[in-house]
PDB file of N, CA and C in Angstrom:
ATOM      1  N   MET A   1      34.561-138.388 -52.720  1.00  0.00           N
ATOM      2  CA  MET A   1      34.176-139.850 -52.745  1.00  0.00           C
ATOM      3  C   MET A   1      34.855-140.187 -54.195  1.00  0.00           C
ATOM      4  N   LEU A   2      35.837-139.990 -54.422  1.00  0.00           N
ATOM      5  CA  LEU A   2      36.336-140.314 -55.739  1.00  0.00           C
ATOM      6  C   LEU A   2      36.827-141.913 -55.696  1.00  0.00           C
ATOM      7  N   THR A   3      36.920-142.553 -54.601  1.00  0.00           N
ATOM      8  CA  THR A   3      37.366-143.885 -54.428  1.00  0.00           C
ATOM      9  C   THR A   3      35.786-144.683 -54.673  1.00  0.00           C
ATOM     10  N   GLY A   4      34.762-144.330 -54.408  1.00  0.00           N
ATOM     11  CA  GLY A   4      33.510-144.675 -54.559  1.00  0.00           C
ATOM     12  C   GLY A   4      33.167-144.709 -56.103  1.00  0.00           C
ATOM     13  N   LYS A   5      33.391-143.564 -56.655  1.00  0.00           N
ATOM     14  CA  LYS A   5      33.219-143.618 -58.232  1.00  0.00           C
ATOM     15  C   LYS A   5      34.207-144.320 -58.985  1.00  0.00           C
ATOM     16  N   ILE A   6      35.412-144.663 -58.528  1.00  0.00           N
ATOM     17  CA  ILE A   6      36.334-145.674 -59.098  1.00  0.00           C
ATOM     18  C   ILE A   6      35.782-147.010 -59.071  1.00  0.00           C
ATOM     19  N   LEU A   7      35.115-147.380 -57.862  1.00  0.00           N
ATOM     20  CA  LEU A   7      34.693-148.746 -57.465  1.00  0.00           C
ATOM     21  C   LEU A   7      33.326-148.952 -58.518  1.00  0.00           C
ATOM     22  N   VAL A   8      32.549-148.155 -58.662  1.00  0.00           N
ATOM     23  CA  VAL A   8      31.517-147.967 -59.448  1.00  0.00           C
ATOM     24  C   VAL A   8      31.863-148.212 -60.989  1.00  0.00           C
ATOM     25  N   GLY A   9      32.875-147.559 -61.454  1.00  0.00           N
ATOM     26  CA  GLY A   9      33.253-147.704 -62.759  1.00  0.00           C
ATOM     27  C   GLY A   9      33.779-148.957 -63.085  1.00  0.00           C
ATOM     28  N   ILE A  10      34.765-149.359 -62.195  1.00  0.00           N
ATOM     29  CA  ILE A  10      35.224-150.744 -62.337  1.00  0.00           C
ATOM     30  C   ILE A  10      33.992-151.957 -62.408  1.00  0.00           C
ATOM     31  N   ALA A  11      33.032-151.741 -61.467  1.00  0.00           N
ATOM     32  CA  ALA A  11      32.007-152.820 -61.443  1.00  0.00           C
ATOM     33  C   ALA A  11      31.215-152.647 -62.679  1.00  0.00           C
ATOM     34  N   THR A  12      30.647-151.519 -63.281  1.00  0.00           N
ATOM     35  CA  THR A  12      30.071-151.456 -64.153  1.00  0.00           C
ATOM     36  C   THR A  12      30.816-151.840 -65.531  1.00  0.00           C
ATOM     37  N   GLY A  13      32.215-151.667 -65.586  1.00  0.00           N
ATOM     38  CA  GLY A  13      33.109-151.886 -66.657  1.00  0.00           C
ATOM     39  C   GLY A  13      33.113-153.223 -66.640  1.00  0.00           C
ATOM     40  N   ALA A  14      33.029-154.070 -65.464  1.00  0.00           N
ATOM     41  CA  ALA A  14      33.537-155.475 -65.493  1.00  0.00           C
ATOM     42  C   ALA A  14      32.152-156.401 -66.051  1.00  0.00           C
ATOM     43  N   VAL A  15      31.006-155.701 -65.713  1.00  0.00           N
ATOM     44  CA  VAL A  15      29.654-156.069 -66.252  1.00  0.00           C
ATOM     45  C   VAL A  15      29.640-155.853 -67.398  1.00  0.00           C
ATOM     46  N   ALA A  16      29.951-154.685 -68.165  1.00  0.00           N
ATOM     47  CA  ALA A  16      30.024-154.622 -69.605  1.00  0.00           C
ATOM     48  C   ALA A  16      30.945-155.519 -70.287  1.00  0.00           C
ATOM     49  N   ILE A  17      31.932-155.669 -69.839  1.00  0.00           N
ATOM     50  CA  ILE A  17      32.950-156.702 -70.388  1.00  0.00           C
ATOM     51  C   ILE A  17      32.393-158.211 -70.662  1.00  0.00           C
ATOM     52  N   VAL A  18      32.090-158.526 -69.430  1.00  0.00           N
ATOM     53  CA  VAL A  18      31.417-159.779 -69.636  1.00  0.00           C
ATOM     54  C   VAL A  18      30.237-159.783 -70.214  1.00  0.00           C
ATOM     55  N   LEU A  19      29.414-158.945 -70.551  1.00  0.00           N
ATOM     56  CA  LEU A  19      28.187-158.876 -71.359  1.00  0.00           C
ATOM     57  C   LEU A  19      28.830-158.955 -73.011  1.00  0.00           C
ATOM     58  N   MET A  20      29.842-158.111 -73.222  1.00  0.00           N
ATOM     59  CA  MET A  20      30.187-158.260 -74.760  1.00  0.00           C
ATOM     60  C   MET A  20      30.777-159.715 -74.924  1.00  0.00           C
ATOM     61  N   ILE A  21      31.526-160.371 -74.142  1.00  0.00           N
ATOM     62  CA  ILE A  21      31.965-161.595 -74.239  1.00  0.00           C
ATOM     63  C   ILE A  21      30.772-162.484 -74.413  1.00  0.00           C
ATOM     64  N   GLY A  22      29.724-162.500 -73.580  1.00  0.00           N
ATOM     65  CA  GLY A  22      28.722-163.367 -73.623  1.00  0.00           C
ATOM     66  C   GLY A  22      27.950-163.154 -75.038  1.00  0.00           C
ATOM     67  N   LEU A  23      27.667-162.037 -75.341  1.00  0.00           N
ATOM     68  CA  LEU A  23      27.170-161.700 -76.653  1.00  0.00           C
ATOM     69  C   LEU A  23      27.841-162.122 -78.009  1.00  0.00           C
ATOM     70  N   TYR A  24      29.241-162.030 -77.760  1.00  0.00           N
ATOM     71  CA  TYR A  24      30.244-162.630 -78.859  1.00  0.00           C
ATOM     72  C   TYR A  24      30.144-164.000 -78.730  1.00  0.00           C
ATOM     73  N   SER A  25      29.975-164.537 -77.585  1.00  0.00           N
ATOM     74  CA  SER A  25      29.902-166.122 -77.535  1.00  0.00           C
ATOM     75  C   SER A  25      28.639-166.708 -78.259  1.00  0.00           C
ATOM     76  N   LEU A  26      27.554-165.897 -77.935  1.00  0.00           N
ATOM     77  CA  LEU A  26      26.240-166.230 -78.592  1.00  0.00           C
ATOM     78  C   LEU A  26      26.267-166.227 -80.090  1.00  0.00           C
ATOM     79  N   TYR A  27      26.839-164.796 -80.559  1.00  0.00           N
ATOM     80  CA  TYR A  27      26.896-164.735 -81.988  1.00  0.00           C
ATOM     81  C   TYR A  27      27.926-165.531 -82.688  1.00  0.00           C
ATOM     82  N   ARG A  28      28.978-165.952 -81.989  1.00  0.00           N
ATOM     83  CA  ARG A  28      29.992-167.082 -82.599  1.00  0.00           C
ATOM     84  C   ARG A  28      29.427-168.350 -82.880  1.00  0.00           C
ATOM     85  N   GLY A  29      28.494-169.007 -81.747  1.00  0.00           N
ATOM     86  CA  GLY A  29      28.055-170.244 -81.812  1.00  0.00           C
ATOM     87  C   GLY A  29      29.092-171.433 -81.597  1.00  0.00           C
ATOM     88  N   GLY A  30      28.729-172.764 -82.048  1.00  0.00           N
ATOM     89  CA  GLY A  30      29.614-173.715 -82.008  1.00  0.00           C
ATOM     90  C   GLY A  30      30.071-174.174 -80.545  1.00  0.00           C
ATOM     91  N   ASP A  31      31.117-174.786 -80.332  1.00  0.00           N
ATOM     92  CA  ASP A  31      31.566-175.406 -79.173  1.00  0.00           C
ATOM     93  C   ASP A  31      31.838-174.296 -78.087  1.00  0.00           C
ATOM     94  N   PHE A  32      32.450-173.398 -78.533  1.00  0.00           N
ATOM     95  CA  PHE A  32      32.606-172.256 -77.453  1.00  0.00           C
ATOM     96  C   PHE A  32      31.200-171.509 -76.707  1.00  0.00           C
ATOM     97  N   ALA A  33      30.212-171.458 -77.694  1.00  0.00           N
ATOM     98  CA  ALA A  33      29.041-171.055 -76.977  1.00  0.00           C
ATOM     99  C   ALA A  33      28.378-172.078 -76.124  1.00  0.00           C
ATOM    100  N   ARG A  34      28.491-173.495 -76.538  1.00  0.00           N
ATOM    101  CA  ARG A  34      27.982-174.321 -75.692  1.00  0.00           C
ATOM    102  C   ARG A  34      28.633-174.546 -74.348  1.00  0.00           C
ATOM    103  N   THR A  35      29.942-174.237 -74.505  1.00  0.00           N
ATOM    104  CA  THR A  35      30.654-174.490 -73.125  1.00  0.00           C
ATOM    105  C   THR A  35      30.719-173.421 -72.312  1.00  0.00           C
ATOM    106  N   HIS A  36      30.779-171.979 -72.887  1.00  0.00           N
ATOM    107  CA  HIS A  36      30.747-170.820 -71.979  1.00  0.00           C
ATOM    108  C   HIS A  36      29.555-170.039 -71.935  1.00  0.00           C
ATOM    109  N   SER A  37      28.716-169.913 -72.947  1.00  0.00           N
ATOM    110  CA  SER A  37      27.529-168.954 -72.753  1.00  0.00           C
ATOM    111  C   SER A  37      26.746-168.993 -71.343  1.00  0.00           C
ATOM    112  N   ASN A  38      26.331-170.036 -70.809  1.00  0.00           N
ATOM    113  CA  ASN A  38      25.804-170.172 -69.723  1.00  0.00           C
ATOM    114  C   ASN A  38      26.555-169.526 -68.564  1.00  0.00           C
ATOM    115  N   LYS A  39      27.719-169.960 -68.412  1.00  0.00           N
ATOM    116  CA  LYS A  39      28.740-169.501 -67.367  1.00  0.00           C
ATOM    117  C   LYS A  39      28.870-168.149 -67.369  1.00  0.00           C
ATOM    118  N   LEU A  40      28.851-167.572 -68.375  1.00  0.00           N
ATOM    119  CA  LEU A  40      29.354-166.126 -68.732  1.00  0.00           C
ATOM    120  C   LEU A  40      28.110-165.212 -68.362  1.00  0.00           C
ATOM    121  N   MET A  41      26.942-165.748 -68.580  1.00  0.00           N
ATOM    122  CA  MET A  41      25.703-165.223 -68.272  1.00  0.00           C
ATOM    123  C   MET A  41      25.335-165.017 -66.655  1.00  0.00           C
ATOM    124  N   ARG A  42      25.830-166.167 -66.222  1.00  0.00           N
ATOM    125  CA  ARG A  42      25.687-166.515 -64.660  1.00  0.00           C
ATOM    126  C   ARG A  42      26.438-165.541 -64.144  1.00  0.00           C
ATOM    127  N   LEU A  43      27.963-165.646 -64.755  1.00  0.00           N
ATOM    128  CA  LEU A  43      28.833-164.411 -64.099  1.00  0.00           C
ATOM    129  C   LEU A  43      28.318-162.896 -64.333  1.00  0.00           C
ATOM    130  N   ARG A  44      27.629-162.668 -65.291  1.00  0.00           N
ATOM    131  CA  ARG A  44      27.111-161.308 -65.519  1.00  0.00           C
ATOM    132  C   ARG A  44      26.197-161.041 -64.527  1.00  0.00           C
ATOM    133  N   VAL A  45      25.558-161.936 -64.320  1.00  0.00           N
ATOM    134  CA  VAL A  45      24.326-161.644 -63.377  1.00  0.00           C
ATOM    135  C   VAL A  45      24.986-161.269 -61.879  1.00  0.00           C
ATOM    136  N   LEU A  46      25.891-162.160 -61.699  1.00  0.00           N
ATOM    137  CA  LEU A  46      26.555-161.851 -60.229  1.00  0.00           C
ATOM    138  C   LEU A  46      27.228-160.643 -60.163  1.00  0.00           C
ATOM    139  N   LEU A  47      28.088-160.256 -61.319  1.00  0.00           N
ATOM    140  CA  LEU A  47      28.618-159.077 -61.342  1.00  0.00           C
ATOM    141  C   LEU A  47      27.487-157.866 -61.414  1.00  0.00           C
ATOM    142  N   GLN A  48      26.506-158.143 -61.862  1.00  0.00           N
ATOM    143  CA  GLN A  48      25.642-156.880 -61.801  1.00  0.00           C
ATOM    144  C   GLN A  48      25.010-156.788 -60.333  1.00  0.00           C
ATOM    145  N   ALA A  49      24.900-157.896 -59.698  1.00  0.00           N
ATOM    146  CA  ALA A  49      24.385-157.953 -58.102  1.00  0.00           C
ATOM    147  C   ALA A  49      25.506-157.107 -57.370  1.00  0.00           C
ATOM    148  N   ILE A  50      26.838-157.508 -57.629  1.00  0.00           N
ATOM    149  CA  ILE A  50      27.810-156.906 -56.895  1.00  0.00           C
ATOM    150  C   ILE A  50      27.942-155.318 -57.274  1.00  0.00           C
ATOM    151  N   ALA A  51      27.576-154.982 -58.593  1.00  0.00           N
ATOM    152  CA  ALA A  51      27.635-153.484 -58.945  1.00  0.00           C
ATOM    153  C   ALA A  51      26.543-152.759 -58.382  1.00  0.00           C
ATOM    154  N   ILE A  52      25.398-153.324 -58.321  1.00  0.00           N
ATOM    155  CA  ILE A  52      24.311-152.958 -57.745  1.00  0.00           C
ATOM    156  C   ILE A  52      24.477-152.489 -56.359  1.00  0.00           C
ATOM    157  N   LEU A  53      25.227-153.488 -55.371  1.00  0.00           N
ATOM    158  CA  LEU A  53      25.449-153.292 -54.147  1.00  0.00           C
ATOM    159  C   LEU A  53      26.535-151.965 -53.811  1.00  0.00           C
ATOM    160  N   ILE A  54      27.540-152.190 -54.616  1.00  0.00           N
ATOM    161  CA  ILE A  54      28.604-151.174 -54.803  1.00  0.00           C
ATOM    162  C   ILE A  54      27.843-149.808 -54.842  1.00  0.00           C
ATOM    163  N   ILE A  55      26.921-149.620 -55.729  1.00  0.00           N
ATOM    164  CA  ILE A  55      26.342-148.401 -56.186  1.00  0.00           C
ATOM    165  C   ILE A  55      25.802-147.826 -55.206  1.00  0.00           C
ATOM    166  N   MET A  56      24.935-148.767 -54.315  1.00  0.00           N
ATOM    167  CA  MET A  56      23.849-148.679 -53.311  1.00  0.00           C
ATOM    168  C   MET A  56      24.786-147.980 -52.040  1.00  0.00           C
ATOM    169  N   VAL A  57      25.901-148.867 -51.770  1.00  0.00           N
ATOM    170  CA  VAL A  57      26.842-148.042 -50.710  1.00  0.00           C
ATOM    171  C   VAL A  57      27.457-146.950 -51.006  1.00  0.00           C
ATOM    172  N   VAL A  58      27.704-146.590 -52.158  1.00  0.00           N
ATOM    173  CA  VAL A  58      28.462-145.316 -52.519  1.00  0.00           C
ATOM    174  C   VAL A  58      27.191-144.273 -52.311  1.00  0.00           C
ATOM    175  N   ILE A  59      26.289-144.703 -52.903  1.00  0.00           N
ATOM    176  CA  ILE A  59      25.208-143.721 -52.663  1.00  0.00           C
ATOM    177  C   ILE A  59      24.697-143.233 -51.166  1.00  0.00           C
ATOM    178  N   ALA A  60      24.829-144.430 -50.314  1.00  0.00           N
ATOM    179  CA  ALA A  60      24.432-144.442 -48.797  1.00  0.00           C
ATOM    180  C   ALA A  60      25.285-143.427 -48.323  1.00  0.00           C
ATOM    181  N   PHE A  61      26.675-143.842 -48.589  1.00  0.00           N
ATOM    182  CA  PHE A  61      27.575-142.820 -47.937  1.00  0.00           C
ATOM    183  C   PHE A  61      27.844-141.482 -48.240  1.00  0.00           C
ATOM    184  N   THR A  62      27.398-141.326 -49.751  1.00  0.00           N
ATOM    185  CA  THR A  62      27.789-139.974 -50.157  1.00  0.00           C
ATOM    186  C   THR A  62      26.466-138.933 -49.693  1.00  0.00           C
ATOM    187  N   SER A  63      25.427-139.771 -49.598  1.00  0.00           N
ATOM    188  CA  SER A  63      24.214-138.767 -49.095  1.00  0.00           C
ATOM    189  C   SER A  63      24.252-138.698 -47.664  1.00  0.00           C
ATOM    190  N   HIS A  64      25.113-139.648 -46.727  1.00  0.00           N
ATOM    191  CA  HIS A  64      25.345-139.558 -45.453  1.00  0.00           C
ATOM    192  C   HIS A  64      26.103-138.503 -44.858  1.00  0.00           C
ATOM    193  N   SER A  65      27.281-138.538 -45.842  1.00  0.00           N
ATOM    194  CA  SER A  65      28.217-137.558 -45.415  1.00  0.00           C
ATOM    195  C   SER A  65      27.925-136.133 -46.033  1.00  0.00           C
ATOM    196  N   THR A  66      27.013-135.901 -46.973  1.00  0.00           N
ATOM    197  CA  THR A  66      26.542-134.707 -47.321  1.00  0.00           C
ATOM    198  C   THR A  66      25.298-133.982 -46.368  1.00  0.00           C
ATOM    199  N   SER A  67      24.704-134.827 -45.756  1.00  0.00           N
ATOM    200  CA  SER A  67      23.539-134.281 -45.084  1.00  0.00           C
ATOM    201  C   SER A  67      23.989-134.019 -43.785  1.00  0.00           C
ATOM    202  N   THR A  68      24.196-132.621 -43.328  1.00  0.00           N
ATOM    203  CA  THR A  68      24.673-132.394 -41.858  1.00  0.00           C
ATOM    204  C   THR A  68      23.392-131.689 -41.150  1.00  0.00           C
ATOM    205  N   PRO A  69      23.056-131.947 -39.905  1.00  0.00           N
ATOM    206  CA  PRO A  69      22.088-131.512 -39.232  1.00  0.00           C
ATOM    207  C   PRO A  69      22.278-129.933 -38.903  1.00  0.00           C
TER     208      PRO A  69
END
């Protein structure tokens, strides 16, 4: 299930990157923060939901494939 681990890594990495950019935006302030902070935080929430969904699917497939009757 290496593909699942890669997908989880990409999803969590994307969340981390957007979070860091959003935090930098809040720290910097000014026009950039006014125009981008809200959009970045909405994108972060969307990416978190996608990451959670990917993690749940990977866990489901991993537990399903390892449990043999």
